[in-house]
Amino acid sequence: MAQLTASVDIPHFDNMLRARLRALGAEIREALRRSDTETYGELAGRVHDAEEESLADLLTDLNLAEISREVQEVRDIDAAMRRIADHTYGSCIDCGDPIDSARLEAYPTAKRCLACQRGHELKFAPTRPPKL
């Protein structure tokens, strides 16, 4: 595996990741608190028509999707922190080349250089029907 590049400011990115992890913890706790107080099941029980029932379902789904996104981000941060501990943070997991500092600044959990990320997305992008 490629070793950490000297141009990456590890303490800076470690601090960024830890701060985001703390913020995510607060966001997840808040979302869970909201789900307890907003009891969508009760709301659904009081609906009077299909439109209100759809809204109650949508609110439940949005809350679950928000929590799911935040949990995935926690996993990404955990993986980035493991790469810091392994001295591979800032190196692409596919080609081993350094990940541009600007990319890491914008997306500190990045695990691929931009070229490899584009290739990854093209490879795993859902196939779309041809335009007519």
N, C-alpha and C. Protein backbone atom coordinates (compact mmCIF):
# COMPACT_ATOMS: atom_id res chain seq x y z
N MET A 1 0.83 -1.18 0.00
CA MET A 1 0.00 0.00 0.00
C MET A 1 0.88 1.25 0.00
N ALA A 2 0.41 2.29 -0.65
CA ALA A 2 1.20 3.52 -0.74
C ALA A 2 1.32 4.19 0.62
N GLN A 3 2.44 4.80 0.85
CA GLN A 3 2.66 5.51 2.11
C GLN A 3 2.16 6.95 1.98
N LEU A 4 1.91 7.54 3.09
CA LEU A 4 1.43 8.91 3.20
C LEU A 4 2.37 9.88 2.50
N THR A 5 1.79 10.82 1.78
CA THR A 5 2.62 11.83 1.13
C THR A 5 2.94 12.95 2.11
N ALA A 6 4.13 13.50 1.99
CA ALA A 6 4.59 14.53 2.92
C ALA A 6 3.80 15.83 2.77
N SER A 7 3.14 16.04 1.63
CA SER A 7 2.45 17.31 1.39
C SER A 7 1.10 17.40 2.09
N VAL A 8 0.63 16.31 2.69
CA VAL A 8 -0.67 16.33 3.35
C VAL A 8 -0.49 16.75 4.81
N ASP A 9 -1.24 17.75 5.22
CA ASP A 9 -1.19 18.27 6.59
C ASP A 9 -2.11 17.40 7.47
N ILE A 10 -1.57 16.29 7.94
CA ILE A 10 -2.34 15.31 8.70
C ILE A 10 -3.05 15.92 9.91
N PRO A 11 -2.36 16.70 10.77
CA PRO A 11 -3.07 17.26 11.93
C PRO A 11 -4.29 18.10 11.52
N HIS A 12 -4.16 18.86 10.44
CA HIS A 12 -5.27 19.68 9.97
C HIS A 12 -6.46 18.81 9.58
N PHE A 13 -6.22 17.78 8.77
CA PHE A 13 -7.31 16.92 8.32
C PHE A 13 -7.85 16.06 9.45
N ASP A 14 -7.00 15.64 10.36
CA ASP A 14 -7.46 14.89 11.52
C ASP A 14 -8.42 15.75 12.35
N ASN A 15 -8.06 17.01 12.55
CA ASN A 15 -8.94 17.94 13.28
C ASN A 15 -10.26 18.15 12.55
N MET A 16 -10.20 18.30 11.22
CA MET A 16 -11.42 18.47 10.43
C MET A 16 -12.33 17.26 10.58
N LEU A 17 -11.75 16.08 10.46
CA LEU A 17 -12.54 14.84 10.55
C LEU A 17 -13.14 14.69 11.95
N ARG A 18 -12.37 14.96 12.97
CA ARG A 18 -12.89 14.84 14.34
C ARG A 18 -14.00 15.85 14.62
N ALA A 19 -13.85 17.07 14.11
CA ALA A 19 -14.89 18.09 14.30
C ALA A 19 -16.17 17.68 13.59
N ARG A 20 -16.03 17.16 12.38
CA ARG A 20 -17.22 16.71 11.64
C ARG A 20 -17.87 15.52 12.33
N LEU A 21 -17.07 14.64 12.89
CA LEU A 21 -17.61 13.49 13.61
C LEU A 21 -18.42 13.95 14.83
N ARG A 22 -17.91 14.94 15.55
CA ARG A 22 -18.67 15.48 16.69
C ARG A 22 -19.98 16.12 16.22
N ALA A 23 -19.91 16.88 15.12
CA ALA A 23 -21.12 17.52 14.59
C ALA A 23 -22.14 16.48 14.14
N LEU A 24 -21.66 15.43 13.49
CA LEU A 24 -22.57 14.36 13.05
C LEU A 24 -23.23 13.68 14.24
N GLY A 25 -22.47 13.45 15.29
CA GLY A 25 -23.05 12.85 16.49
C GLY A 25 -24.21 13.69 17.00
N ALA A 26 -24.01 15.00 17.04
CA ALA A 26 -25.08 15.90 17.49
C ALA A 26 -26.26 15.87 16.52
N GLU A 27 -25.98 15.84 15.21
CA GLU A 27 -27.06 15.80 14.23
C GLU A 27 -27.86 14.51 14.32
N ILE A 28 -27.18 13.40 14.52
CA ILE A 28 -27.87 12.11 14.63
C ILE A 28 -28.72 12.09 15.91
N ARG A 29 -28.15 12.56 17.02
CA ARG A 29 -28.92 12.62 18.27
C ARG A 29 -30.17 13.49 18.09
N GLU A 30 -30.01 14.63 17.41
CA GLU A 30 -31.15 15.53 17.17
C GLU A 30 -32.20 14.86 16.29
N ALA A 31 -31.78 14.19 15.25
CA ALA A 31 -32.72 13.51 14.36
C ALA A 31 -33.48 12.42 15.11
N LEU A 32 -32.76 11.68 15.95
CA LEU A 32 -33.43 10.64 16.75
C LEU A 32 -34.37 11.26 17.77
N ARG A 33 -33.96 12.37 18.37
CA ARG A 33 -34.85 13.06 19.30
C ARG A 33 -36.13 13.52 18.60
N ARG A 34 -35.94 14.10 17.40
CA ARG A 34 -37.10 14.56 16.62
C ARG A 34 -38.02 13.39 16.29
N SER A 35 -37.42 12.26 15.93
CA SER A 35 -38.26 11.12 15.56
C SER A 35 -39.06 10.62 16.77
N ASP A 36 -38.49 10.78 17.98
CA ASP A 36 -39.23 10.41 19.18
C ASP A 36 -40.37 11.38 19.45
N THR A 37 -40.13 12.66 19.27
CA THR A 37 -41.15 13.65 19.60
C THR A 37 -42.17 13.85 18.49
N GLU A 38 -41.80 13.56 17.26
CA GLU A 38 -42.71 13.78 16.15
C GLU A 38 -43.56 12.56 15.84
N THR A 39 -43.41 11.52 16.58
CA THR A 39 -44.15 10.27 16.44
C THR A 39 -45.06 10.25 15.20
N TYR A 40 -44.44 9.92 14.09
CA TYR A 40 -45.17 9.91 12.83
C TYR A 40 -46.28 8.86 12.84
N GLY A 41 -46.11 7.83 13.64
CA GLY A 41 -47.17 6.83 13.74
C GLY A 41 -48.44 7.46 14.27
N GLU A 42 -48.30 8.32 15.30
CA GLU A 42 -49.47 9.02 15.83
C GLU A 42 -50.04 9.96 14.78
N LEU A 43 -49.14 10.66 14.09
CA LEU A 43 -49.59 11.58 13.04
C LEU A 43 -50.38 10.81 11.99
N ALA A 44 -49.86 9.66 11.57
CA ALA A 44 -50.54 8.86 10.56
C ALA A 44 -51.90 8.39 11.07
N GLY A 45 -52.01 8.14 12.37
CA GLY A 45 -53.28 7.71 12.94
C GLY A 45 -54.33 8.80 12.94
N ARG A 46 -53.89 10.06 12.87
CA ARG A 46 -54.82 11.19 12.89
C ARG A 46 -55.11 11.74 11.50
N VAL A 47 -54.54 11.14 10.46
CA VAL A 47 -54.75 11.68 9.12
C VAL A 47 -56.19 11.46 8.69
N HIS A 48 -56.64 12.35 7.88
CA HIS A 48 -58.03 12.29 7.45
C HIS A 48 -58.20 11.89 6.00
N ASP A 49 -57.11 11.92 5.24
CA ASP A 49 -57.23 11.53 3.84
C ASP A 49 -55.90 10.98 3.33
N ALA A 50 -55.91 10.53 2.10
CA ALA A 50 -54.72 9.91 1.50
C ALA A 50 -53.56 10.90 1.40
N GLU A 51 -53.86 12.17 1.16
CA GLU A 51 -52.81 13.18 1.05
C GLU A 51 -52.07 13.35 2.38
N GLU A 52 -52.81 13.41 3.47
CA GLU A 52 -52.17 13.53 4.78
C GLU A 52 -51.38 12.27 5.13
N GLU A 53 -51.88 11.12 4.74
CA GLU A 53 -51.18 9.87 4.98
C GLU A 53 -49.86 9.84 4.20
N SER A 54 -49.91 10.31 2.96
CA SER A 54 -48.70 10.38 2.15
C SER A 54 -47.67 11.31 2.77
N LEU A 55 -48.12 12.43 3.30
CA LEU A 55 -47.22 13.38 3.95
C LEU A 55 -46.58 12.74 5.18
N ALA A 56 -47.35 12.04 5.98
CA ALA A 56 -46.81 11.38 7.17
C ALA A 56 -45.77 10.34 6.77
N ASP A 57 -46.05 9.58 5.71
CA ASP A 57 -45.08 8.59 5.21
C ASP A 57 -43.81 9.27 4.72
N LEU A 58 -43.97 10.37 4.00
CA LEU A 58 -42.82 11.11 3.48
C LEU A 58 -41.94 11.63 4.61
N LEU A 59 -42.55 12.18 5.63
CA LEU A 59 -41.78 12.70 6.77
C LEU A 59 -41.01 11.59 7.46
N THR A 60 -41.61 10.44 7.60
CA THR A 60 -40.92 9.30 8.21
C THR A 60 -39.75 8.87 7.34
N ASP A 61 -39.99 8.75 6.03
CA ASP A 61 -38.93 8.34 5.11
C ASP A 61 -37.79 9.34 5.08
N LEU A 62 -38.10 10.63 5.10
CA LEU A 62 -37.06 11.66 5.09
C LEU A 62 -36.21 11.59 6.34
N ASN A 63 -36.82 11.37 7.47
CA ASN A 63 -36.08 11.27 8.73
C ASN A 63 -35.15 10.07 8.69
N LEU A 64 -35.64 8.94 8.22
CA LEU A 64 -34.81 7.74 8.13
C LEU A 64 -33.68 7.93 7.12
N ALA A 65 -33.95 8.58 6.00
CA ALA A 65 -32.91 8.83 4.99
C ALA A 65 -31.84 9.76 5.54
N GLU A 66 -32.25 10.76 6.29
CA GLU A 66 -31.29 11.70 6.90
C GLU A 66 -30.35 10.95 7.85
N ILE A 67 -30.92 10.12 8.69
CA ILE A 67 -30.10 9.36 9.64
C ILE A 67 -29.18 8.40 8.90
N SER A 68 -29.68 7.77 7.86
CA SER A 68 -28.87 6.82 7.08
C SER A 68 -27.69 7.52 6.42
N ARG A 69 -27.91 8.71 5.84
CA ARG A 69 -26.82 9.48 5.23
C ARG A 69 -25.77 9.85 6.27
N GLU A 70 -26.23 10.27 7.44
CA GLU A 70 -25.30 10.68 8.49
C GLU A 70 -24.50 9.50 9.01
N VAL A 71 -25.13 8.35 9.14
CA VAL A 71 -24.41 7.14 9.58
C VAL A 71 -23.37 6.75 8.54
N GLN A 72 -23.70 6.86 7.25
CA GLN A 72 -22.72 6.55 6.20
C GLN A 72 -21.54 7.51 6.26
N GLU A 73 -21.81 8.77 6.54
CA GLU A 73 -20.72 9.74 6.66
C GLU A 73 -19.83 9.41 7.86
N VAL A 74 -20.43 8.94 8.96
CA VAL A 74 -19.63 8.51 10.11
C VAL A 74 -18.71 7.36 9.69
N ARG A 75 -19.23 6.43 8.92
CA ARG A 75 -18.41 5.31 8.44
C ARG A 75 -17.26 5.80 7.56
N ASP A 76 -17.56 6.78 6.69
CA ASP A 76 -16.51 7.34 5.82
C ASP A 76 -15.43 8.04 6.65
N ILE A 77 -15.84 8.75 7.68
CA ILE A 77 -14.87 9.42 8.56
C ILE A 77 -14.03 8.38 9.29
N ASP A 78 -14.68 7.33 9.78
CA ASP A 78 -13.94 6.26 10.46
C ASP A 78 -12.91 5.65 9.53
N ALA A 79 -13.27 5.41 8.28
CA ALA A 79 -12.33 4.84 7.31
C ALA A 79 -11.17 5.81 7.05
N ALA A 80 -11.47 7.10 6.95
CA ALA A 80 -10.41 8.10 6.74
C ALA A 80 -9.46 8.15 7.94
N MET A 81 -10.01 8.03 9.13
CA MET A 81 -9.16 8.06 10.32
C MET A 81 -8.30 6.78 10.42
N ARG A 82 -8.83 5.67 9.92
CA ARG A 82 -8.00 4.45 9.85
C ARG A 82 -6.86 4.64 8.86
N ARG A 83 -7.14 5.34 7.73
CA ARG A 83 -6.07 5.60 6.76
C ARG A 83 -5.01 6.52 7.37
N ILE A 84 -5.43 7.47 8.21
CA ILE A 84 -4.46 8.31 8.91
C ILE A 84 -3.59 7.43 9.81
N ALA A 85 -4.21 6.56 10.57
CA ALA A 85 -3.46 5.67 11.48
C ALA A 85 -2.53 4.73 10.71
N ASP A 86 -2.95 4.32 9.51
CA ASP A 86 -2.14 3.42 8.67
C ASP A 86 -1.11 4.16 7.84
N HIS A 87 -1.09 5.49 7.95
CA HIS A 87 -0.17 6.33 7.18
C HIS A 87 -0.41 6.24 5.67
N THR A 88 -1.68 6.05 5.28
CA THR A 88 -2.02 6.02 3.86
C THR A 88 -3.00 7.13 3.49
N TYR A 89 -3.39 7.96 4.46
CA TYR A 89 -4.32 9.06 4.18
C TYR A 89 -3.67 10.00 3.17
N GLY A 90 -4.45 10.40 2.18
CA GLY A 90 -3.94 11.31 1.15
C GLY A 90 -3.39 10.59 -0.05
N SER A 91 -3.40 9.25 -0.02
CA SER A 91 -2.99 8.44 -1.17
C SER A 91 -4.21 7.72 -1.71
N CYS A 92 -4.34 7.69 -3.01
CA CYS A 92 -5.48 7.04 -3.67
C CYS A 92 -5.45 5.54 -3.38
N ILE A 93 -6.61 4.98 -3.00
CA ILE A 93 -6.68 3.55 -2.70
C ILE A 93 -6.59 2.70 -3.96
N ASP A 94 -6.81 3.30 -5.13
CA ASP A 94 -6.75 2.54 -6.37
C ASP A 94 -5.37 2.58 -7.02
N CYS A 95 -4.83 3.79 -7.22
CA CYS A 95 -3.57 3.90 -7.95
C CYS A 95 -2.37 4.24 -7.05
N GLY A 96 -2.64 4.69 -5.83
CA GLY A 96 -1.56 5.04 -4.91
C GLY A 96 -1.01 6.45 -5.08
N ASP A 97 -1.46 7.16 -6.10
CA ASP A 97 -1.00 8.54 -6.30
C ASP A 97 -1.56 9.44 -5.20
N PRO A 98 -0.89 10.58 -4.97
CA PRO A 98 -1.41 11.52 -3.96
C PRO A 98 -2.76 12.10 -4.39
N ILE A 99 -3.62 12.31 -3.41
CA ILE A 99 -4.89 12.99 -3.64
C ILE A 99 -4.62 14.48 -3.45
N ASP A 100 -5.07 15.28 -4.39
CA ASP A 100 -4.84 16.72 -4.35
C ASP A 100 -5.35 17.31 -3.04
N SER A 101 -4.56 18.18 -2.44
CA SER A 101 -4.93 18.79 -1.16
C SER A 101 -6.25 19.56 -1.25
N ALA A 102 -6.51 20.20 -2.38
CA ALA A 102 -7.77 20.92 -2.55
C ALA A 102 -8.95 19.96 -2.49
N ARG A 103 -8.78 18.77 -3.07
CA ARG A 103 -9.84 17.76 -3.01
C ARG A 103 -10.06 17.32 -1.56
N LEU A 104 -8.97 17.08 -0.84
CA LEU A 104 -9.10 16.68 0.56
C LEU A 104 -9.71 17.80 1.40
N GLU A 105 -9.39 19.03 1.09
CA GLU A 105 -9.95 20.16 1.82
C GLU A 105 -11.46 20.21 1.64
N ALA A 106 -11.92 19.98 0.40
CA ALA A 106 -13.35 20.00 0.11
C ALA A 106 -14.05 18.73 0.58
N TYR A 107 -13.33 17.62 0.54
CA TYR A 107 -13.91 16.31 0.82
C TYR A 107 -12.89 15.49 1.60
N PRO A 108 -12.75 15.76 2.91
CA PRO A 108 -11.66 15.14 3.69
C PRO A 108 -11.73 13.62 3.79
N THR A 109 -12.85 13.02 3.44
CA THR A 109 -12.94 11.56 3.48
C THR A 109 -12.61 10.93 2.14
N ALA A 110 -12.17 11.74 1.17
CA ALA A 110 -11.84 11.22 -0.16
C ALA A 110 -10.82 10.10 -0.05
N LYS A 111 -11.09 9.01 -0.76
CA LYS A 111 -10.17 7.88 -0.73
C LYS A 111 -9.56 7.62 -2.10
N ARG A 112 -10.00 8.36 -3.10
CA ARG A 112 -9.47 8.20 -4.45
C ARG A 112 -9.08 9.56 -5.00
N CYS A 113 -8.07 9.55 -5.87
CA CYS A 113 -7.73 10.77 -6.61
C CYS A 113 -8.90 11.04 -7.57
N LEU A 114 -8.94 12.23 -8.11
CA LEU A 114 -10.06 12.62 -8.97
C LEU A 114 -10.19 11.71 -10.19
N ALA A 115 -9.07 11.36 -10.82
CA ALA A 115 -9.14 10.51 -12.02
C ALA A 115 -9.71 9.13 -11.68
N CYS A 116 -9.25 8.54 -10.60
CA CYS A 116 -9.76 7.22 -10.20
C CYS A 116 -11.22 7.30 -9.75
N GLN A 117 -11.59 8.40 -9.10
CA GLN A 117 -12.98 8.55 -8.66
C GLN A 117 -13.91 8.64 -9.87
N ARG A 118 -13.49 9.38 -10.88
CA ARG A 118 -14.30 9.47 -12.11
C ARG A 118 -14.47 8.09 -12.73
N GLY A 119 -13.37 7.35 -12.82
CA GLY A 119 -13.43 5.99 -13.37
C GLY A 119 -14.33 5.10 -12.54
N HIS A 120 -14.25 5.21 -11.23
CA HIS A 120 -15.09 4.42 -10.33
C HIS A 120 -16.57 4.73 -10.55
N GLU A 121 -16.87 6.02 -10.65
CA GLU A 121 -18.26 6.42 -10.85
C GLU A 121 -18.79 5.97 -12.20
N LEU A 122 -17.97 6.03 -13.24
CA LEU A 122 -18.40 5.56 -14.54
C LEU A 122 -18.64 4.05 -14.53
N LYS A 123 -17.77 3.35 -13.86
CA LYS A 123 -17.87 1.89 -13.79
C LYS A 123 -19.12 1.45 -13.05
N PHE A 124 -19.47 2.16 -11.98
CA PHE A 124 -20.59 1.75 -11.15
C PHE A 124 -21.84 2.61 -11.32
N ALA A 125 -21.84 3.49 -12.31
CA ALA A 125 -23.02 4.32 -12.57
C ALA A 125 -24.15 3.45 -13.11
N PRO A 126 -25.36 3.73 -12.70
CA PRO A 126 -26.48 2.95 -13.24
C PRO A 126 -26.60 3.20 -14.74
N THR A 127 -26.89 2.16 -15.47
CA THR A 127 -27.04 2.31 -16.92
C THR A 127 -28.34 3.04 -17.22
N ARG A 128 -28.21 3.98 -18.10
CA ARG A 128 -29.37 4.77 -18.49
C ARG A 128 -29.78 4.39 -19.90
N PRO A 129 -31.09 4.42 -20.14
CA PRO A 129 -31.51 4.12 -21.52
C PRO A 129 -31.04 5.22 -22.45
N PRO A 130 -30.74 4.87 -23.71
CA PRO A 130 -30.27 5.90 -24.65
C PRO A 130 -31.33 6.96 -24.88
N LYS A 131 -30.85 8.19 -25.08
CA LYS A 131 -31.78 9.30 -25.38
C LYS A 131 -32.31 9.11 -26.77
N LEU A 132 -33.57 9.39 -26.94
CA LEU A 132 -34.21 9.28 -28.26
C LEU A 132 -34.20 10.58 -28.99
